[in-house]
Amino acid sequence: NCTIFHNCSIGEIPQDLKYKGEQTGTTIGSDVIVRENVTINRGTVAYGTTTIGNNVLLMAAAHVAHDCIISDNVIMANMATLGGHVEIKEYASLGGGVLVHQFCRIGAHVFIGGGFRAVQDVPPFILAVGEPLRYGGINSIGLKRRGFTKEALTNIKKTYRKYFRSDLPRSSALEKMKNEMENSAEIEEIINFIDTSKRGII
């Protein structure tokens, strides 16, 4: 049930000089819309495949490099570009012309404003804006549309206030979040995302 428009390149060899013709692939889920001039490269031996989930919208001239993993319900606007090995979680939205550095992770329900660059991981539920990219508050509109409760929004906001607005070093702020914040699925997701970051957090 996918819709693919004109002049797209899907599953061609990766733009990676380490690629030596190994048998790799591209996997695309259901109800994906791929607009004009989108390019999606196949994986390398590192992951074996480039993966795109269900109900994803890739607008005109977007680029998905080798070994990327795009979860369900992601939107990439026109000319948004992913380096290799990027991971984007569900319901994230990238504005037009957004550039994401290789190996970065974009958390669930994130919105990155058009034209900005992500060179570090972007944790879930937030708006990311500016140059360099930074925390711009939580993605309240998107979260409300997806049924998050007022209590959940308040807890997410409090958690990020401790992390981004505190005078503490971020490692200390993270420990404070673990010890003081109310336990919930959203807070656990935030803490786990930050804890497992390899490129650092914006």
Foldseek 3Di string as FASTA:
>chain_A
DEAEEPDEAAAAAFPDPVADPDQAGEEAEEQEYHEAQEYEYAAGPVQRGAYYEYNEYEEHNEYHGHQEHEYPCEYEYAPEYEDANEYEYHNEYEEHNEYEYHNEYEEHNEYEYHPAYHDHHEFPQFYWYDVPIDTDAGPVVSCVVVPDDPVNSVLVRVLVCLQPVDPDDNVVSLVCLVVPGDDDPRSVRRSVCQVPTDRHYD
